[in-house]
Amino acid sequence: MNDRVDLALAVEADGVHLGQTDLPMAVARRLLGSQRIIGRSTTNPDEMARALSEGADYIGVGPVYARPPSRINPPPG
């Protein structure tokens, strides 16, 4: 389930994927419990480290390559 812990609980989803501005990881874990999966979107090494230290079960990484002509989101690392 993308972004919505409430819906993940309502439909008994296996887990949820959270963006950087979504519910804090600790709150999501408290609501979902230890048996559900929680992932976090990341765009740079600091966000990756923080997501892992906060207990993310997996991380989504992107963008990996710059997309011309966009220079707004350069690739991490």
PDB file of N, CA and C in Angstrom:
ATOM      1  N   MET A   1       0.852  -1.153   0.000  1.00  0.00           N
ATOM      2  CA  MET A   1       0.000   0.000   0.000  1.00  0.00           C
ATOM      3  C   MET A   1       0.909   1.230   0.000  1.00  0.00           C
ATOM      4  N   ASN A   2       0.648   2.164  -0.867  1.00  0.00           N
ATOM      5  CA  ASN A   2       1.486   3.348  -0.984  1.00  0.00           C
ATOM      6  C   ASN A   2       0.980   4.473  -0.094  1.00  0.00           C
ATOM      7  N   ASP A   3       1.798   4.935   0.827  1.00  0.00           N
ATOM      8  CA  ASP A   3       1.570   6.128   1.653  1.00  0.00           C
ATOM      9  C   ASP A   3       0.525   5.997   2.756  1.00  0.00           C
ATOM     10  N   ARG A   4      -0.385   5.074   2.692  1.00  0.00           N
ATOM     11  CA  ARG A   4      -1.563   5.091   3.565  1.00  0.00           C
ATOM     12  C   ARG A   4      -1.575   3.937   4.563  1.00  0.00           C
ATOM     13  N   VAL A   5      -1.089   4.206   5.756  1.00  0.00           N
ATOM     14  CA  VAL A   5      -1.094   3.206   6.825  1.00  0.00           C
ATOM     15  C   VAL A   5      -2.530   2.847   7.194  1.00  0.00           C
ATOM     16  N   ASP A   6      -3.414   3.831   7.211  1.00  0.00           N
ATOM     17  CA  ASP A   6      -4.805   3.559   7.570  1.00  0.00           C
ATOM     18  C   ASP A   6      -5.447   2.566   6.610  1.00  0.00           C
ATOM     19  N   LEU A   7      -5.203   2.730   5.313  1.00  0.00           N
ATOM     20  CA  LEU A   7      -5.776   1.798   4.337  1.00  0.00           C
ATOM     21  C   LEU A   7      -5.087   0.440   4.392  1.00  0.00           C
ATOM     22  N   ALA A   8      -3.786   0.440   4.649  1.00  0.00           N
ATOM     23  CA  ALA A   8      -3.067  -0.828   4.792  1.00  0.00           C
ATOM     24  C   ALA A   8      -3.671  -1.654   5.925  1.00  0.00           C
ATOM     25  N   LEU A   9      -4.001  -0.993   7.016  1.00  0.00           N
ATOM     26  CA  LEU A   9      -4.656  -1.685   8.131  1.00  0.00           C
ATOM     27  C   LEU A   9      -6.058  -2.142   7.758  1.00  0.00           C
ATOM     28  N   ALA A  10      -6.809  -1.285   7.082  1.00  0.00           N
ATOM     29  CA  ALA A  10      -8.197  -1.603   6.738  1.00  0.00           C
ATOM     30  C   ALA A  10      -8.309  -2.812   5.821  1.00  0.00           C
ATOM     31  N   VAL A  11      -7.368  -2.963   4.884  1.00  0.00           N
ATOM     32  CA  VAL A  11      -7.438  -4.074   3.936  1.00  0.00           C
ATOM     33  C   VAL A  11      -6.490  -5.216   4.304  1.00  0.00           C
ATOM     34  N   GLU A  12      -5.873  -5.105   5.474  1.00  0.00           N
ATOM     35  CA  GLU A  12      -4.945  -6.116   5.969  1.00  0.00           C
ATOM     36  C   GLU A  12      -3.817  -6.383   4.974  1.00  0.00           C
ATOM     37  N   ALA A  13      -3.249  -5.295   4.434  1.00  0.00           N
ATOM     38  CA  ALA A  13      -2.120  -5.398   3.510  1.00  0.00           C
ATOM     39  C   ALA A  13      -0.892  -5.925   4.233  1.00  0.00           C
ATOM     40  N   ASP A  14       0.029  -6.472   3.472  1.00  0.00           N
ATOM     41  CA  ASP A  14       1.268  -6.987   4.052  1.00  0.00           C
ATOM     42  C   ASP A  14       2.178  -5.875   4.547  1.00  0.00           C
ATOM     43  N   GLY A  15       1.945  -4.650   4.055  1.00  0.00           N
ATOM     44  CA  GLY A  15       2.785  -3.546   4.487  1.00  0.00           C
ATOM     45  C   GLY A  15       2.453  -2.264   3.777  1.00  0.00           C
ATOM     46  N   VAL A  16       3.361  -1.300   3.914  1.00  0.00           N
ATOM     47  CA  VAL A  16       3.147   0.031   3.371  1.00  0.00           C
ATOM     48  C   VAL A  16       4.483   0.598   2.905  1.00  0.00           C
ATOM     49  N   HIS A  17       4.416   1.457   1.889  1.00  0.00           N
ATOM     50  CA  HIS A  17       5.601   2.174   1.413  1.00  0.00           C
ATOM     51  C   HIS A  17       5.388   3.650   1.698  1.00  0.00           C
ATOM     52  N   LEU A  18       6.333   4.266   2.410  1.00  0.00           N
ATOM     53  CA  LEU A  18       6.204   5.651   2.838  1.00  0.00           C
ATOM     54  C   LEU A  18       7.224   6.541   2.145  1.00  0.00           C
ATOM     55  N   GLY A  19       6.778   7.725   1.738  1.00  0.00           N
ATOM     56  CA  GLY A  19       7.676   8.734   1.202  1.00  0.00           C
ATOM     57  C   GLY A  19       8.288   9.536   2.341  1.00  0.00           C
ATOM     58  N   GLN A  20       9.191  10.417   1.989  1.00  0.00           N
ATOM     59  CA  GLN A  20       9.892  11.224   2.989  1.00  0.00           C
ATOM     60  C   GLN A  20       8.957  12.135   3.786  1.00  0.00           C
ATOM     61  N   THR A  21       7.851  12.548   3.217  1.00  0.00           N
ATOM     62  CA  THR A  21       6.941  13.458   3.920  1.00  0.00           C
ATOM     63  C   THR A  21       5.710  12.742   4.476  1.00  0.00           C
ATOM     64  N   ASP A  22       5.693  11.432   4.410  1.00  0.00           N
ATOM     65  CA  ASP A  22       4.566  10.672   4.953  1.00  0.00           C
ATOM     66  C   ASP A  22       4.742  10.458   6.456  1.00  0.00           C
ATOM     67  N   LEU A  23       3.900   9.660   7.019  1.00  0.00           N
ATOM     68  CA  LEU A  23       3.908   9.359   8.445  1.00  0.00           C
ATOM     69  C   LEU A  23       5.305   8.944   8.907  1.00  0.00           C
ATOM     70  N   PRO A  24       5.743   9.408  10.073  1.00  0.00           N
ATOM     71  CA  PRO A  24       7.053   8.981  10.588  1.00  0.00           C
ATOM     72  C   PRO A  24       7.118   7.457  10.735  1.00  0.00           C
ATOM     73  N   MET A  25       8.283   6.911  10.505  1.00  0.00           N
ATOM     74  CA  MET A  25       8.479   5.465  10.554  1.00  0.00           C
ATOM     75  C   MET A  25       8.077   4.870  11.901  1.00  0.00           C
ATOM     76  N   ALA A  26       8.408   5.534  12.992  1.00  0.00           N
ATOM     77  CA  ALA A  26       8.082   5.008  14.327  1.00  0.00           C
ATOM     78  C   ALA A  26       6.570   4.915  14.538  1.00  0.00           C
ATOM     79  N   VAL A  27       5.834   5.885  14.054  1.00  0.00           N
ATOM     80  CA  VAL A  27       4.374   5.868  14.183  1.00  0.00           C
ATOM     81  C   VAL A  27       3.797   4.747  13.326  1.00  0.00           C
ATOM     82  N   ALA A  28       4.285   4.629  12.098  1.00  0.00           N
ATOM     83  CA  ALA A  28       3.818   3.559  11.217  1.00  0.00           C
ATOM     84  C   ALA A  28       4.081   2.194  11.835  1.00  0.00           C
ATOM     85  N   ARG A  29       5.271   2.007  12.406  1.00  0.00           N
ATOM     86  CA  ARG A  29       5.603   0.712  13.012  1.00  0.00           C
ATOM     87  C   ARG A  29       4.713   0.432  14.211  1.00  0.00           C
ATOM     88  N   ARG A  30       4.448   1.455  15.022  1.00  0.00           N
ATOM     89  CA  ARG A  30       3.575   1.270  16.182  1.00  0.00           C
ATOM     90  C   ARG A  30       2.174   0.841  15.736  1.00  0.00           C
ATOM     91  N   LEU A  31       1.671   1.446  14.668  1.00  0.00           N
ATOM     92  CA  LEU A  31       0.331   1.120  14.178  1.00  0.00           C
ATOM     93  C   LEU A  31       0.274  -0.226  13.465  1.00  0.00           C
ATOM     94  N   LEU A  32       1.309  -0.524  12.682  1.00  0.00           N
ATOM     95  CA  LEU A  32       1.299  -1.740  11.865  1.00  0.00           C
ATOM     96  C   LEU A  32       1.818  -2.973  12.590  1.00  0.00           C
ATOM     97  N   GLY A  33       2.648  -2.772  13.594  1.00  0.00           N
ATOM     98  CA  GLY A  33       3.234  -3.904  14.308  1.00  0.00           C
ATOM     99  C   GLY A  33       4.471  -4.430  13.600  1.00  0.00           C
ATOM    100  N   SER A  34       5.089  -5.408  14.188  1.00  0.00           N
ATOM    101  CA  SER A  34       6.371  -5.919  13.686  1.00  0.00           C
ATOM    102  C   SER A  34       6.221  -6.909  12.537  1.00  0.00           C
ATOM    103  N   GLN A  35       5.032  -7.407  12.299  1.00  0.00           N
ATOM    104  CA  GLN A  35       4.843  -8.432  11.273  1.00  0.00           C
ATOM    105  C   GLN A  35       4.574  -7.869   9.877  1.00  0.00           C
ATOM    106  N   ARG A  36       4.310  -6.583   9.779  1.00  0.00           N
ATOM    107  CA  ARG A  36       4.062  -5.971   8.467  1.00  0.00           C
ATOM    108  C   ARG A  36       5.321  -5.270   7.963  1.00  0.00           C
ATOM    109  N   ILE A  37       5.428  -5.173   6.650  1.00  0.00           N
ATOM    110  CA  ILE A  37       6.599  -4.591   5.992  1.00  0.00           C
ATOM    111  C   ILE A  37       6.422  -3.083   5.852  1.00  0.00           C
ATOM    112  N   ILE A  38       7.495  -2.341   6.127  1.00  0.00           N
ATOM    113  CA  ILE A  38       7.480  -0.894   5.919  1.00  0.00           C
ATOM    114  C   ILE A  38       8.692  -0.519   5.072  1.00  0.00           C
ATOM    115  N   GLY A  39       8.411   0.146   3.953  1.00  0.00           N
ATOM    116  CA  GLY A  39       9.471   0.635   3.087  1.00  0.00           C
ATOM    117  C   GLY A  39       9.490   2.147   3.073  1.00  0.00           C
ATOM    118  N   ARG A  40      10.613   2.719   2.655  1.00  0.00           N
ATOM    119  CA  ARG A  40      10.764   4.180   2.624  1.00  0.00           C
ATOM    120  C   ARG A  40      11.422   4.584   1.317  1.00  0.00           C
ATOM    121  N   SER A  41      10.901   5.615   0.666  1.00  0.00           N
ATOM    122  CA  SER A  41      11.537   6.203  -0.513  1.00  0.00           C
ATOM    123  C   SER A  41      12.734   7.030  -0.068  1.00  0.00           C
ATOM    124  N   THR A  42      13.830   6.931  -0.829  1.00  0.00           N
ATOM    125  CA  THR A  42      15.021   7.710  -0.525  1.00  0.00           C
ATOM    126  C   THR A  42      15.600   8.283  -1.812  1.00  0.00           C
ATOM    127  N   THR A  43      16.281   9.424  -1.689  1.00  0.00           N
ATOM    128  CA  THR A  43      16.869  10.056  -2.869  1.00  0.00           C
ATOM    129  C   THR A  43      18.341  10.390  -2.691  1.00  0.00           C
ATOM    130  N   ASN A  44      18.889  10.111  -1.514  1.00  0.00           N
ATOM    131  CA  ASN A  44      20.304  10.414  -1.283  1.00  0.00           C
ATOM    132  C   ASN A  44      20.828   9.542  -0.134  1.00  0.00           C
ATOM    133  N   PRO A  45      22.132   9.479   0.022  1.00  0.00           N
ATOM    134  CA  PRO A  45      22.710   8.611   1.060  1.00  0.00           C
ATOM    135  C   PRO A  45      22.240   8.930   2.485  1.00  0.00           C
ATOM    136  N   ASP A  46      22.020  10.196   2.805  1.00  0.00           N
ATOM    137  CA  ASP A  46      21.552  10.544   4.150  1.00  0.00           C
ATOM    138  C   ASP A  46      20.164   9.980   4.413  1.00  0.00           C
ATOM    139  N   GLU A  47      19.266  10.104   3.432  1.00  0.00           N
ATOM    140  CA  GLU A  47      17.922   9.551   3.592  1.00  0.00           C
ATOM    141  C   GLU A  47      17.967   8.031   3.690  1.00  0.00           C
ATOM    142  N   MET A  48      18.857   7.408   2.939  1.00  0.00           N
ATOM    143  CA  MET A  48      19.001   5.945   3.003  1.00  0.00           C
ATOM    144  C   MET A  48      19.424   5.505   4.401  1.00  0.00           C
ATOM    145  N   ALA A  49      20.450   6.150   4.933  1.00  0.00           N
ATOM    146  CA  ALA A  49      20.941   5.797   6.263  1.00  0.00           C
ATOM    147  C   ALA A  49      19.872   6.029   7.329  1.00  0.00           C
ATOM    148  N   ARG A  50      19.163   7.156   7.223  1.00  0.00           N
ATOM    149  CA  ARG A  50      18.117   7.462   8.193  1.00  0.00           C
ATOM    150  C   ARG A  50      16.988   6.427   8.130  1.00  0.00           C
ATOM    151  N   ALA A  51      16.560   6.065   6.922  1.00  0.00           N
ATOM    152  CA  ALA A  51      15.485   5.078   6.776  1.00  0.00           C
ATOM    153  C   ALA A  51      15.880   3.747   7.405  1.00  0.00           C
ATOM    154  N   LEU A  52      17.100   3.323   7.155  1.00  0.00           N
ATOM    155  CA  LEU A  52      17.557   2.059   7.728  1.00  0.00           C
ATOM    156  C   LEU A  52      17.676   2.142   9.247  1.00  0.00           C
ATOM    157  N   SER A  53      18.186   3.269   9.755  1.00  0.00           N
ATOM    158  CA  SER A  53      18.316   3.411  11.211  1.00  0.00           C
ATOM    159  C   SER A  53      16.960   3.503  11.898  1.00  0.00           C
ATOM    160  N   GLU A  54      15.950   3.970  11.174  1.00  0.00           N
ATOM    161  CA  GLU A  54      14.596   4.058  11.726  1.00  0.00           C
ATOM    162  C   GLU A  54      13.842   2.742  11.629  1.00  0.00           C
ATOM    163  N   GLY A  55      14.446   1.745  10.994  1.00  0.00           N
ATOM    164  CA  GLY A  55      13.839   0.419  10.956  1.00  0.00           C
ATOM    165  C   GLY A  55      13.108   0.053   9.685  1.00  0.00           C
ATOM    166  N   ALA A  56      13.378   0.736   8.572  1.00  0.00           N
ATOM    167  CA  ALA A  56      12.741   0.360   7.307  1.00  0.00           C
ATOM    168  C   ALA A  56      13.122  -1.069   6.949  1.00  0.00           C
ATOM    169  N   ASP A  57      12.146  -1.823   6.469  1.00  0.00           N
ATOM    170  CA  ASP A  57      12.418  -3.185   6.021  1.00  0.00           C
ATOM    171  C   ASP A  57      13.070  -3.192   4.639  1.00  0.00           C
ATOM    172  N   TYR A  58      12.812  -2.152   3.872  1.00  0.00           N
ATOM    173  CA  TYR A  58      13.471  -1.981   2.577  1.00  0.00           C
ATOM    174  C   TYR A  58      13.458  -0.504   2.230  1.00  0.00           C
ATOM    175  N   ILE A  59      14.301  -0.119   1.272  1.00  0.00           N
ATOM    176  CA  ILE A  59      14.298   1.255   0.795  1.00  0.00           C
ATOM    177  C   ILE A  59      14.148   1.260  -0.718  1.00  0.00           C
ATOM    178  N   GLY A  60      13.439   2.264  -1.214  1.00  0.00           N
ATOM    179  CA  GLY A  60      13.365   2.536  -2.641  1.00  0.00           C
ATOM    180  C   GLY A  60      14.354   3.653  -2.928  1.00  0.00           C
ATOM    181  N   VAL A  61      15.158   3.498  -3.980  1.00  0.00           N
ATOM    182  CA  VAL A  61      16.204   4.462  -4.285  1.00  0.00           C
ATOM    183  C   VAL A  61      15.945   5.099  -5.644  1.00  0.00           C
ATOM    184  N   GLY A  62      16.036   6.415  -5.701  1.00  0.00           N
ATOM    185  CA  GLY A  62      15.887   7.075  -6.995  1.00  0.00           C
ATOM    186  C   GLY A  62      15.979   8.573  -6.839  1.00  0.00           C
ATOM    187  N   PRO A  63      16.232   9.292  -7.854  1.00  0.00           N
ATOM    188  CA  PRO A  63      16.558   8.764  -9.180  1.00  0.00           C
ATOM    189  C   PRO A  63      17.987   8.223  -9.208  1.00  0.00           C
ATOM    190  N   VAL A  64      18.208   7.225 -10.055  1.00  0.00           N
ATOM    191  CA  VAL A  64      19.530   6.624 -10.176  1.00  0.00           C
ATOM    192  C   VAL A  64      20.360   7.373 -11.212  1.00  0.00           C
ATOM    193  N   TYR A  65      19.714   7.758 -12.298  1.00  0.00           N
ATOM    194  CA  TYR A  65      20.396   8.496 -13.370  1.00  0.00           C
ATOM    195  C   TYR A  65      19.705   9.827 -13.581  1.00  0.00           C
ATOM    196  N   ALA A  66      20.459  10.844 -13.911  1.00  0.00           N
ATOM    197  CA  ALA A  66      19.868  12.136 -14.262  1.00  0.00           C
ATOM    198  C   ALA A  66      19.035  11.962 -15.521  1.00  0.00           C
ATOM    199  N   ARG A  67      17.916  12.661 -15.583  1.00  0.00           N
ATOM    200  CA  ARG A  67      17.034  12.577 -16.745  1.00  0.00           C
ATOM    201  C   ARG A  67      17.061  13.903 -17.490  1.00  0.00           C
ATOM    202  N   PRO A  68      17.718  13.945 -18.602  1.00  0.00           N
ATOM    203  CA  PRO A  68      17.751  15.205 -19.362  1.00  0.00           C
ATOM    204  C   PRO A  68      16.329  15.602 -19.753  1.00  0.00           C
ATOM    205  N   PRO A  69      15.958  16.833 -19.770  1.00  0.00           N
ATOM    206  CA  PRO A  69      16.784  17.979 -19.432  1.00  0.00           C
ATOM    207  C   PRO A  69      16.697  18.377 -17.967  1.00  0.00           C
ATOM    208  N   SER A  70      16.150  17.537 -17.103  1.00  0.00           N
ATOM    209  CA  SER A  70      15.946  17.871 -15.697  1.00  0.00           C
ATOM    210  C   SER A  70      17.249  17.853 -14.914  1.00  0.00           C
ATOM    211  N   ARG A  71      17.491  18.912 -14.191  1.00  0.00           N
ATOM    212  CA  ARG A  71      18.615  18.947 -13.250  1.00  0.00           C
ATOM    213  C   ARG A  71      18.099  19.159 -11.831  1.00  0.00           C
ATOM    214  N   ILE A  72      16.802  19.042 -11.677  1.00  0.00           N
ATOM    215  CA  ILE A  72      16.175  19.252 -10.381  1.00  0.00           C
ATOM    216  C   ILE A  72      16.568  18.145  -9.417  1.00  0.00           C
ATOM    217  N   ASN A  73      16.519  16.897  -9.863  1.00  0.00           N
ATOM    218  CA  ASN A  73      16.814  15.745  -9.016  1.00  0.00           C
ATOM    219  C   ASN A  73      18.028  15.011  -9.533  1.00  0.00           C
ATOM    220  N   PRO A  74      19.230  15.443  -9.185  1.00  0.00           N
ATOM    221  CA  PRO A  74      20.423  14.724  -9.637  1.00  0.00           C
ATOM    222  C   PRO A  74      20.488  13.348  -8.984  1.00  0.00           C
ATOM    223  N   PRO A  75      21.198  12.395  -9.607  1.00  0.00           N
ATOM    224  CA  PRO A  75      21.289  11.072  -9.014  1.00  0.00           C
ATOM    225  C   PRO A  75      21.998  11.115  -7.666  1.00  0.00           C
ATOM    226  N   PRO A  76      21.596  10.246  -6.721  1.00  0.00           N
ATOM    227  CA  PRO A  76      22.239  10.244  -5.407  1.00  0.00           C
ATOM    228  C   PRO A  76      23.665   9.733  -5.489  1.00  0.00           C
ATOM    229  N   GLY A  77      24.455  10.133  -4.486  1.00  0.00           N
ATOM    230  CA  GLY A  77      25.810   9.634  -4.317  1.00  0.00           C
ATOM    231  C   GLY A  77      26.689  10.051  -5.416  1.00  0.00           C
TER     232      GLY A  77
END
